[in-house]
């Protein structure tokens, strides 16, 4: 199993080089072809930060609301921890 994992890692590393090179080439071609395109700045990702914070809050609220309900269903009668 470890050999299979090592083989998969080697394949991924070998793919990474050509993928990075050709991605860079495509971006350079795009820049030449579409010189008026405005690339997004780091400050343009503020919506992602807001949605991530909202999602984390919503996840905790749903966990808090549903914890008791699911513990009643999933309780193992022989386990004193639950």
Protein backbone atom coordinates (compact mmCIF):
# COMPACT_ATOMS: atom_id res chain seq x y z
CA UNK A 1 0.00 0.00 0.00
CA UNK A 2 2.85 2.38 0.79
CA UNK A 3 4.42 1.69 -2.59
CA UNK A 4 1.17 2.55 -4.29
CA UNK A 5 0.98 5.81 -2.36
CA UNK A 6 4.61 6.62 -3.21
CA UNK A 7 3.95 5.84 -6.87
CA UNK A 8 0.93 8.17 -6.88
CA UNK A 9 3.02 10.95 -5.31
CA UNK A 10 5.74 10.51 -7.94
CA UNK A 11 3.17 10.69 -10.75
CA UNK A 12 1.63 13.85 -9.27
CA UNK A 13 5.02 15.52 -8.94
CA UNK A 14 5.89 14.60 -12.53
CA UNK A 15 2.61 16.08 -13.75
CA UNK A 16 3.08 19.28 -11.73
CA UNK A 17 6.00 20.59 -13.82
CA UNK A 18 4.37 20.48 -17.28
CA UNK A 19 1.05 21.65 -15.84
CA UNK A 20 2.68 24.71 -14.27
CA UNK A 21 4.65 25.50 -17.42
CA UNK A 22 1.67 25.27 -19.79
CA UNK A 23 -0.54 27.23 -17.40
CA UNK A 24 2.03 30.02 -17.41
CA UNK A 25 2.19 29.89 -21.24
CA UNK A 26 -1.60 30.13 -21.56
CA UNK A 27 -1.73 33.12 -19.20
CA UNK A 28 0.99 34.89 -21.21
CA UNK A 29 -0.90 34.26 -24.46
CA UNK A 30 -4.09 35.55 -22.87
CA UNK A 31 -2.32 38.71 -21.68
CA UNK A 32 -1.04 39.45 -25.19
CA UNK A 33 -4.39 38.73 -26.83
CA UNK A 34 -6.56 40.58 -24.27
CA UNK A 35 -4.42 43.42 -23.04
CA UNK A 36 -7.47 45.37 -21.78
CA UNK A 37 -8.57 42.65 -19.34
CA UNK A 38 -8.48 43.80 -15.73
CA UNK A 39 -7.12 41.04 -13.50
CA UNK A 40 -8.76 40.64 -10.08
CA UNK A 41 -6.91 42.06 -7.12
CA UNK A 42 -6.61 40.50 -3.70
CA UNK A 43 -9.09 43.06 -2.37
CA UNK A 44 -11.73 41.73 -4.78
CA UNK A 45 -12.12 38.59 -2.69
CA UNK A 46 -13.89 40.29 0.22
CA UNK A 47 -17.13 38.48 -0.68
CA UNK A 48 -15.39 35.13 -0.18
CA UNK A 49 -14.31 36.15 3.31
CA UNK A 50 -17.82 37.23 4.25
CA UNK A 51 -19.38 34.02 2.92
CA UNK A 52 -16.75 31.90 4.71
CA UNK A 53 -17.52 33.62 8.02
CA UNK A 54 -21.26 33.25 7.43
CA UNK A 55 -20.85 29.57 6.55
CA UNK A 56 -18.82 28.86 9.70
CA UNK A 57 -21.43 30.59 11.84
CA UNK A 58 -24.29 28.76 10.15
CA UNK A 59 -22.51 25.43 10.56
CA UNK A 60 -22.08 26.00 14.29
CA UNK A 61 -25.74 27.05 14.70
CA UNK A 62 -26.98 23.95 12.86
CA UNK A 63 -24.68 21.76 14.97
CA UNK A 64 -25.95 23.40 18.17
CA UNK A 65 -29.60 22.94 17.12
CA UNK A 66 -29.35 19.38 15.82
CA UNK A 67 -26.90 17.87 18.35
CA UNK A 68 -29.53 16.75 20.84
CA UNK A 69 -31.81 15.36 18.16
CA UNK A 70 -29.15 13.19 16.56
CA UNK A 71 -27.67 12.03 19.88
CA UNK A 72 -31.07 10.59 20.79
CA UNK A 73 -31.11 8.59 17.58
CA UNK A 74 -27.45 7.57 17.47
CA UNK A 75 -26.95 6.70 21.13
CA UNK A 76 -25.38 3.34 21.73
CA UNK A 77 -26.97 1.83 24.82
CA UNK A 78 -23.77 0.10 25.96
CA UNK A 79 -21.52 3.17 25.76
CA UNK A 80 -21.44 5.18 28.98
CA UNK A 81 -19.58 8.07 27.34
CA UNK A 82 -22.60 9.05 25.24
